[in-house]
Amino acid sequence: MAQVTIRGVKKTFGQTDVIHGVDLDIADGEFVVLVGPSGCGKSTLLRMIAGLETVSGGTIQIGEKVVNHLPPAQRDIAMVFQNYALYPHMTVSDNMAFALKLRKTDAATVNDRVQRAAEILGLKPFLQRYPRQLSGGQRQRVAMGRAIVRDPQVFLFDEPLSNLDAKLRVQMRTEIKELHQRLKTTTVFVTHDQIEAMTMADRIVVMHDGLIEQIGTPLELYDSPRNLFVAGFIGSPAMNFLKGAAKAANGIQSGGLSIEIEGNRLPVAGNHEVSDGQPVVYGIRPEHLELAPNTEGFPAKVAVIEPTGSETMVVVRMGETEITALFRERHSFAPGQTVHLRPRPDQVHLFDTESGRRV
């Protein structure tokens, strides 16, 4: 196992800058997830760690060694791809053993490592089958087994669950997390799915347009997003963003701060560096809105109801502003119905309208 240290890393394709000077420290044994929308540079960064892409600037260090100019085979890493990348003419056992045989590892060691990996992943009954005889989840486990037998310093996962159905993705998330807890190998995992990131990571790295927007534990990013992008990307359903202006009955310092939106005053708790009348974006997560008596909260008209059984998502409109609310209690709603909603003031996030930064 080893730490991964990334300093000022850049990547340019022709005249196009894709990664703009990234700094990142991944601790020995840590599970770090790179997350962001398509095209943000997360897979490119992973491929540079693997040695599959050259580094245009900066350094990548695995353990004590700078690996910028080392080929993948000399970096002591193992990578699991989205499309499994199994050899169709080889059995499961031969697929898992292939890298060790290339190194001319003795047969007894190869067999021991393959058997151990197969036992960890529940693949023992399938060792003599071919990839075409396996399900998608089984193929992904074989790809993981091929990585495990190499006993690398770092595991790299490039969107490994994208080709699986929803139920299998949940199962494989648990298996990969349990695998990490057992092996304690430093792991870098790339996904565009923030639910995968939240449920699997020790720390999440949120990327956007080739830059790191924020690094933190899942709950740090959820509770204290640094800017509008992180706030909107982390959490499902996404945070509501409402444009308004700061208002205070007796001045901002009096503690009576509220935000005026569509003629309604919405409360906010805590200290915020805003001036009276300043335009702000009021952020509130759907689960932090609650039904209120008609004399409280703000009125909104129900547009869409989406029950899932365990919870009900409701899209409402406050004037021209669309808002999503999430209820875990059972309520009877009807399209066109007027309801009154009340935000929890201690769960409100305020952002600067121009910079998008949290205030």
Protein backbone atom coordinates (compact mmCIF):
# COMPACT_ATOMS: atom_id res chain seq x y z
CA MET A 1 0.00 0.00 0.00
CA ALA A 2 1.09 3.58 -0.56
CA GLN A 3 -0.06 7.17 -0.50
CA VAL A 4 -0.66 9.03 -3.77
CA THR A 5 0.55 12.64 -3.99
CA ILE A 6 -0.51 14.86 -6.89
CA ARG A 7 1.09 18.28 -7.27
CA GLY A 8 0.18 20.90 -9.88
CA VAL A 9 -0.88 18.26 -12.39
CA LYS A 10 -2.02 19.56 -15.78
CA LYS A 11 -3.19 17.85 -18.95
CA THR A 12 -3.42 19.36 -22.40
CA PHE A 13 -4.78 17.71 -25.54
CA GLY A 14 -3.45 19.80 -28.44
CA GLN A 15 -4.56 23.37 -27.68
CA THR A 16 -7.20 22.28 -25.18
CA ASP A 17 -6.47 22.38 -21.44
CA VAL A 18 -8.35 19.57 -19.70
CA ILE A 19 -6.78 19.54 -16.22
CA HIS A 20 -5.74 22.93 -14.81
CA GLY A 21 -3.21 22.31 -12.05
CA VAL A 22 -4.65 19.80 -9.57
CA ASP A 23 -3.26 19.21 -6.06
CA LEU A 24 -4.43 16.15 -4.15
CA ASP A 25 -3.12 14.00 -1.28
CA ILE A 26 -4.52 10.47 -0.93
CA ALA A 27 -3.49 8.77 2.30
CA ASP A 28 -2.19 5.22 2.58
CA GLY A 29 -5.19 2.88 2.72
CA GLU A 30 -7.75 5.60 1.94
CA PHE A 31 -10.78 5.16 -0.37
CA VAL A 32 -11.09 8.36 -2.41
CA VAL A 33 -13.81 8.94 -5.00
CA LEU A 34 -13.38 11.41 -7.88
CA VAL A 35 -16.84 12.61 -8.85
CA GLY A 36 -18.19 15.14 -11.30
CA PRO A 37 -20.18 15.50 -14.53
CA SER A 38 -19.02 14.06 -17.84
CA GLY A 39 -16.04 15.98 -19.22
CA CYS A 40 -14.86 17.34 -15.85
CA GLY A 41 -11.48 15.55 -16.12
CA LYS A 42 -11.89 12.86 -13.46
CA SER A 43 -11.17 9.87 -15.77
CA THR A 44 -8.25 11.74 -17.36
CA LEU A 45 -6.75 12.30 -13.91
CA LEU A 46 -7.19 8.61 -13.05
CA ARG A 47 -5.57 7.56 -16.32
CA MET A 48 -2.59 9.83 -15.58
CA ILE A 49 -2.18 8.12 -12.19
CA ALA A 50 -2.30 4.78 -14.04
CA GLY A 51 0.20 5.89 -16.70
CA LEU A 52 -2.29 5.52 -19.54
CA GLU A 53 -2.07 9.28 -20.23
CA THR A 54 1.06 11.41 -20.10
CA VAL A 55 1.28 14.30 -17.65
CA SER A 56 1.57 17.75 -19.29
CA GLY A 57 2.73 19.43 -16.09
CA GLY A 58 3.24 18.76 -12.38
CA THR A 59 4.11 15.48 -10.64
CA ILE A 60 2.37 12.28 -9.57
CA GLN A 61 3.99 10.34 -6.76
CA ILE A 62 3.05 6.83 -5.60
CA GLY A 63 4.68 6.06 -2.28
CA GLU A 64 8.13 7.66 -2.36
CA LYS A 65 8.52 7.43 -6.14
CA VAL A 66 7.62 10.05 -8.78
CA VAL A 67 5.99 8.01 -11.55
CA ASN A 68 5.48 10.60 -14.31
CA HIS A 69 7.69 8.77 -16.79
CA LEU A 70 7.15 5.19 -15.62
CA PRO A 71 5.04 2.84 -17.78
CA PRO A 72 1.88 1.39 -16.15
CA ALA A 73 3.54 -1.99 -15.51
CA GLN A 74 6.16 -0.36 -13.26
CA ARG A 75 3.77 1.72 -11.14
CA ASP A 76 2.50 -1.17 -8.99
CA ILE A 77 -1.13 -0.29 -9.60
CA ALA A 78 -4.11 -2.36 -10.73
CA MET A 79 -6.99 -0.89 -12.71
CA VAL A 80 -10.60 -2.04 -13.08
CA PHE A 81 -12.34 -0.70 -16.18
CA GLN A 82 -15.96 0.07 -17.00
CA ASN A 83 -16.12 -2.61 -19.70
CA TYR A 84 -14.37 -5.33 -17.60
CA ALA A 85 -11.67 -5.87 -20.33
CA LEU A 86 -11.62 -9.66 -19.90
CA TYR A 87 -10.02 -12.03 -22.40
CA PRO A 88 -12.98 -13.93 -23.94
CA HIS A 89 -10.91 -17.02 -24.85
CA MET A 90 -9.60 -17.50 -21.32
CA THR A 91 -11.33 -19.06 -18.32
CA VAL A 92 -12.01 -17.01 -15.19
CA SER A 93 -8.98 -18.61 -13.55
CA ASP A 94 -6.70 -17.80 -16.50
CA ASN A 95 -8.00 -14.21 -16.71
CA MET A 96 -7.19 -13.67 -13.06
CA ALA A 97 -3.77 -15.31 -13.32
CA PHE A 98 -2.66 -13.68 -16.58
CA ALA A 99 -0.71 -10.72 -15.13
CA LEU A 100 1.11 -12.97 -12.66
CA LYS A 101 2.11 -15.39 -15.42
CA LEU A 102 3.50 -12.49 -17.45
CA ARG A 103 5.74 -11.71 -14.48
CA LYS A 104 6.85 -15.37 -14.51
CA THR A 105 5.49 -15.90 -10.98
CA ASP A 106 5.82 -19.52 -9.87
CA ALA A 107 2.75 -21.75 -10.36
CA ALA A 108 2.14 -22.38 -6.65
CA THR A 109 2.01 -18.65 -5.87
CA VAL A 110 -0.27 -17.99 -8.84
CA ASN A 111 -2.66 -20.72 -7.73
CA ASP A 112 -2.68 -19.51 -4.10
CA ARG A 113 -3.45 -15.92 -5.09
CA VAL A 114 -6.17 -16.89 -7.58
CA GLN A 115 -7.83 -19.18 -5.02
CA ARG A 116 -7.67 -16.50 -2.34
CA ALA A 117 -9.17 -13.82 -4.61
CA ALA A 118 -11.86 -16.23 -5.83
CA GLU A 119 -12.83 -17.00 -2.24
CA ILE A 120 -13.01 -13.32 -1.28
CA LEU A 121 -15.23 -12.55 -4.29
CA GLY A 122 -17.36 -15.70 -4.29
CA LEU A 123 -15.97 -16.84 -7.65
CA LYS A 124 -14.79 -20.36 -6.77
CA PRO A 125 -17.70 -22.11 -8.57
CA PHE A 126 -16.94 -20.14 -11.77
CA LEU A 127 -13.16 -20.54 -12.14
CA GLN A 128 -13.42 -22.84 -15.18
CA ARG A 129 -16.11 -20.82 -16.95
CA TYR A 130 -15.54 -18.31 -19.74
CA PRO A 131 -16.63 -14.65 -19.56
CA ARG A 132 -19.52 -15.25 -21.96
CA GLN A 133 -20.98 -17.73 -19.44
CA LEU A 134 -21.11 -15.11 -16.66
CA SER A 135 -23.53 -12.35 -15.68
CA GLY A 136 -22.45 -8.69 -15.70
CA GLY A 137 -21.90 -8.70 -11.95
CA GLN A 138 -19.82 -11.88 -12.11
CA ARG A 139 -17.67 -10.43 -14.90
CA GLN A 140 -17.06 -7.33 -12.81
CA ARG A 141 -16.00 -9.51 -9.89
CA VAL A 142 -13.54 -11.33 -12.20
CA ALA A 143 -12.09 -7.95 -13.22
CA MET A 144 -11.73 -7.09 -9.53
CA GLY A 145 -10.18 -10.50 -8.84
CA ARG A 146 -7.60 -9.90 -11.56
CA ALA A 147 -6.65 -6.70 -9.75
CA ILE A 148 -6.54 -8.34 -6.31
CA VAL A 149 -4.15 -11.15 -7.29
CA ARG A 150 -1.52 -8.59 -8.27
CA ASP A 151 -1.48 -7.27 -4.67
CA PRO A 152 -0.82 -3.70 -5.91
CA GLN A 153 -0.02 -0.58 -3.92
CA VAL A 154 -3.06 1.22 -5.41
CA PHE A 155 -6.40 0.11 -6.88
CA LEU A 156 -7.85 2.33 -9.63
CA PHE A 157 -11.54 1.97 -10.58
CA ASP A 158 -12.84 3.76 -13.70
CA GLU A 159 -16.66 3.84 -13.48
CA PRO A 160 -16.78 0.07 -12.91
CA LEU A 161 -20.52 -0.08 -12.16
CA SER A 162 -21.85 1.93 -15.12
CA ASN A 163 -22.83 -1.14 -17.17
CA LEU A 164 -24.79 -2.85 -14.38
CA ASP A 165 -28.51 -2.64 -13.67
CA ALA A 166 -29.72 -0.63 -10.67
CA LYS A 167 -30.11 -3.52 -8.20
CA LEU A 168 -26.73 -5.01 -9.10
CA ARG A 169 -25.04 -1.63 -8.76
CA VAL A 170 -26.21 -1.37 -5.15
CA GLN A 171 -24.94 -4.90 -4.45
CA MET A 172 -21.56 -4.24 -6.09
CA ARG A 173 -21.14 -0.96 -4.17
CA THR A 174 -21.39 -2.94 -0.96
CA GLU A 175 -18.99 -5.62 -2.22
CA ILE A 176 -16.33 -3.09 -3.27
CA LYS A 177 -16.63 -1.26 0.07
CA GLU A 178 -16.32 -4.54 2.00
CA LEU A 179 -13.35 -5.52 -0.17
CA HIS A 180 -11.58 -2.27 0.69
CA GLN A 181 -12.27 -2.72 4.40
CA ARG A 182 -10.73 -6.16 4.21
CA LEU A 183 -7.66 -5.40 2.06
CA LYS A 184 -7.00 -1.80 3.21
CA THR A 185 -5.44 -1.01 -0.18
CA THR A 186 -5.29 2.64 -1.27
CA THR A 187 -8.18 3.07 -3.73
CA VAL A 188 -9.09 5.78 -6.23
CA PHE A 189 -12.60 5.36 -7.67
CA VAL A 190 -14.07 7.45 -10.50
CA THR A 191 -17.83 7.90 -10.98
CA HIS A 192 -20.31 10.48 -12.21
CA ASP A 193 -22.91 9.09 -9.77
CA GLN A 194 -22.91 11.13 -6.56
CA ILE A 195 -24.87 8.39 -4.71
CA GLU A 196 -21.96 5.99 -5.38
CA ALA A 197 -19.57 8.65 -4.13
CA MET A 198 -21.56 9.34 -0.95
CA THR A 199 -22.00 5.69 0.00
CA MET A 200 -18.48 4.43 -0.75
CA ALA A 201 -15.91 7.16 -0.10
CA ASP A 202 -13.77 8.00 2.88
CA ARG A 203 -13.31 11.33 1.10
CA ILE A 204 -14.88 12.75 -2.06
CA VAL A 205 -13.11 14.96 -4.59
CA VAL A 206 -15.66 17.02 -6.55
CA MET A 207 -14.32 18.05 -9.96
CA HIS A 208 -15.67 20.54 -12.50
CA ASP A 209 -14.07 21.80 -15.72
CA GLY A 210 -10.66 20.34 -14.88
CA LEU A 211 -10.50 21.82 -11.38
CA ILE A 212 -11.17 20.50 -7.88
CA GLU A 213 -14.14 22.36 -6.41
CA GLN A 214 -14.06 20.76 -2.95
CA ILE A 215 -12.55 17.83 -1.04
CA GLY A 216 -14.12 16.36 2.08
CA THR A 217 -15.97 13.49 3.71
CA PRO A 218 -19.44 12.74 2.28
CA LEU A 219 -21.20 14.50 5.16
CA GLU A 220 -18.85 17.51 5.05
CA LEU A 221 -19.78 18.07 1.41
CA TYR A 222 -23.47 17.48 2.10
CA ASP A 223 -23.66 19.77 5.15
CA SER A 224 -21.18 22.48 4.13
CA PRO A 225 -20.89 22.81 0.34
CA ARG A 226 -18.35 25.44 -0.63
CA ASN A 227 -20.25 26.78 -3.64
CA LEU A 228 -23.34 26.42 -5.80
CA PHE A 229 -21.81 23.69 -7.97
CA VAL A 230 -21.00 21.38 -5.06
CA ALA A 231 -24.33 22.12 -3.38
CA GLY A 232 -26.22 21.21 -6.55
CA PHE A 233 -24.15 18.14 -7.37
CA ILE A 234 -24.10 16.46 -3.95
CA GLY A 235 -27.46 15.24 -2.67
CA SER A 236 -30.40 13.53 -4.35
CA PRO A 237 -32.86 15.01 -5.11
CA ALA A 238 -30.80 18.13 -5.73
CA MET A 239 -30.83 21.21 -3.52
CA ASN A 240 -33.37 23.93 -4.37
CA PHE A 241 -31.82 27.25 -5.40
CA LEU A 242 -34.06 30.31 -5.00
CA LYS A 243 -32.99 33.81 -6.01
CA GLY A 244 -33.85 36.52 -3.51
CA ALA A 245 -32.60 39.49 -1.50
CA ALA A 246 -31.44 39.69 2.10
CA LYS A 247 -33.84 41.57 4.40
CA ALA A 248 -33.61 42.44 8.08
CA ALA A 249 -36.22 44.22 10.18
CA ASN A 250 -33.66 45.93 12.44
CA GLY A 251 -30.46 45.61 10.43
CA ILE A 252 -28.42 42.56 9.48
CA GLN A 253 -26.67 42.38 12.87
CA SER A 254 -29.95 42.10 14.79
CA GLY A 255 -30.30 38.41 14.05
CA GLY A 256 -33.59 38.92 12.23
CA LEU A 257 -32.27 37.99 8.77
CA SER A 258 -34.65 36.62 6.18
CA ILE A 259 -34.56 36.33 2.39
CA GLU A 260 -37.31 37.85 0.28
CA ILE A 261 -38.32 35.56 -2.60
CA GLU A 262 -41.42 36.06 -4.77
CA GLY A 263 -42.87 38.40 -2.12
CA ASN A 264 -42.37 35.88 0.71
CA ARG A 265 -39.90 36.19 3.58
CA LEU A 266 -38.02 32.91 4.09
CA PRO A 267 -36.08 32.51 7.36
CA VAL A 268 -32.40 31.78 7.77
CA ALA A 269 -30.45 31.00 10.95
CA GLY A 270 -26.80 31.64 11.81
CA ASN A 271 -24.36 34.37 10.90
CA HIS A 272 -24.01 35.32 7.24
CA GLU A 273 -21.82 38.03 5.74
CA VAL A 274 -24.52 39.80 3.75
CA SER A 275 -25.78 43.37 3.59
CA ASP A 276 -29.39 44.51 3.66
CA GLY A 277 -30.87 44.19 0.17
CA GLN A 278 -27.95 42.11 -1.16
CA PRO A 279 -28.97 39.63 -3.91
CA VAL A 280 -28.33 36.04 -2.77
CA VAL A 281 -29.20 32.49 -3.71
CA TYR A 282 -31.18 30.70 -1.00
CA GLY A 283 -30.38 26.99 -0.92
CA ILE A 284 -32.59 24.46 0.82
CA ARG A 285 -32.58 20.68 0.37
CA PRO A 286 -35.95 19.04 -0.45
CA GLU A 287 -35.88 16.99 2.77
CA HIS A 288 -35.47 20.17 4.85
CA LEU A 289 -38.86 21.55 3.83
CA GLU A 290 -41.88 20.63 5.96
CA LEU A 291 -45.61 21.14 5.72
CA ALA A 292 -46.84 24.09 7.78
CA PRO A 293 -50.26 25.36 8.93
CA ASN A 294 -51.84 27.92 6.58
CA THR A 295 -50.83 30.73 8.93
CA GLU A 296 -47.14 29.84 8.62
CA GLY A 297 -44.65 29.11 5.86
CA PHE A 298 -45.11 30.18 2.25
CA PRO A 299 -47.90 29.15 -0.13
CA ALA A 300 -47.07 27.03 -3.17
CA LYS A 301 -49.11 25.17 -5.76
CA VAL A 302 -48.57 21.43 -6.26
CA ALA A 303 -47.45 20.58 -9.82
CA VAL A 304 -46.18 16.98 -9.76
CA ILE A 305 -46.35 14.17 -7.17
CA GLU A 306 -43.87 11.27 -7.29
CA PRO A 307 -44.54 8.60 -4.62
CA THR A 308 -41.91 5.88 -4.19
CA GLY A 309 -43.37 4.11 -1.15
CA SER A 310 -40.76 5.03 1.43
CA GLU A 311 -41.07 8.74 0.58
CA THR A 312 -42.98 11.17 -1.61
CA MET A 313 -41.36 13.83 -3.78
CA VAL A 314 -43.52 16.81 -4.63
CA VAL A 315 -42.72 19.56 -7.13
CA VAL A 316 -44.46 22.84 -6.25
CA ARG A 317 -44.43 26.36 -7.68
CA MET A 318 -44.09 29.53 -5.63
CA GLY A 319 -44.96 32.13 -8.22
CA GLU A 320 -42.52 31.50 -11.07
CA THR A 321 -40.10 29.54 -8.87
CA GLU A 322 -40.13 25.72 -8.97
CA ILE A 323 -39.32 23.93 -5.70
CA THR A 324 -38.90 20.25 -4.84
CA ALA A 325 -39.96 18.94 -1.41
CA LEU A 326 -39.41 15.45 -0.03
CA PHE A 327 -41.62 13.89 2.65
CA ARG A 328 -41.04 10.61 4.43
CA GLU A 329 -44.47 10.75 6.04
CA ARG A 330 -47.56 9.83 3.99
CA HIS A 331 -49.55 12.83 2.74
CA SER A 332 -52.37 13.16 0.25
CA PHE A 333 -51.55 15.71 -2.43
CA ALA A 334 -53.37 16.64 -5.64
CA PRO A 335 -52.12 18.63 -8.64
CA GLY A 336 -53.24 22.25 -8.35
CA GLN A 337 -53.60 22.04 -4.57
CA THR A 338 -52.12 24.91 -2.53
CA VAL A 339 -49.86 23.85 0.33
CA HIS A 340 -47.81 25.84 2.82
CA LEU A 341 -44.16 24.90 3.22
CA ARG A 342 -41.72 25.92 5.93
CA PRO A 343 -37.94 25.64 5.54
CA ARG A 344 -35.82 24.62 8.52
CA PRO A 345 -33.81 27.82 9.12
CA ASP A 346 -30.78 25.95 10.49
CA GLN A 347 -30.51 23.95 7.25
CA VAL A 348 -30.51 26.94 4.88
CA HIS A 349 -27.42 27.69 2.74
CA LEU A 350 -26.78 31.16 1.32
CA PHE A 351 -24.63 31.76 -1.76
CA ASP A 352 -23.35 34.89 -3.45
CA THR A 353 -25.26 35.49 -6.68
CA GLU A 354 -22.20 36.53 -8.73
CA SER A 355 -19.40 34.22 -7.51
CA GLY A 356 -21.56 31.27 -6.43
CA ARG A 357 -19.52 31.07 -3.21
CA ARG A 358 -21.14 30.24 0.13
CA VAL A 359 -21.66 33.31 2.35
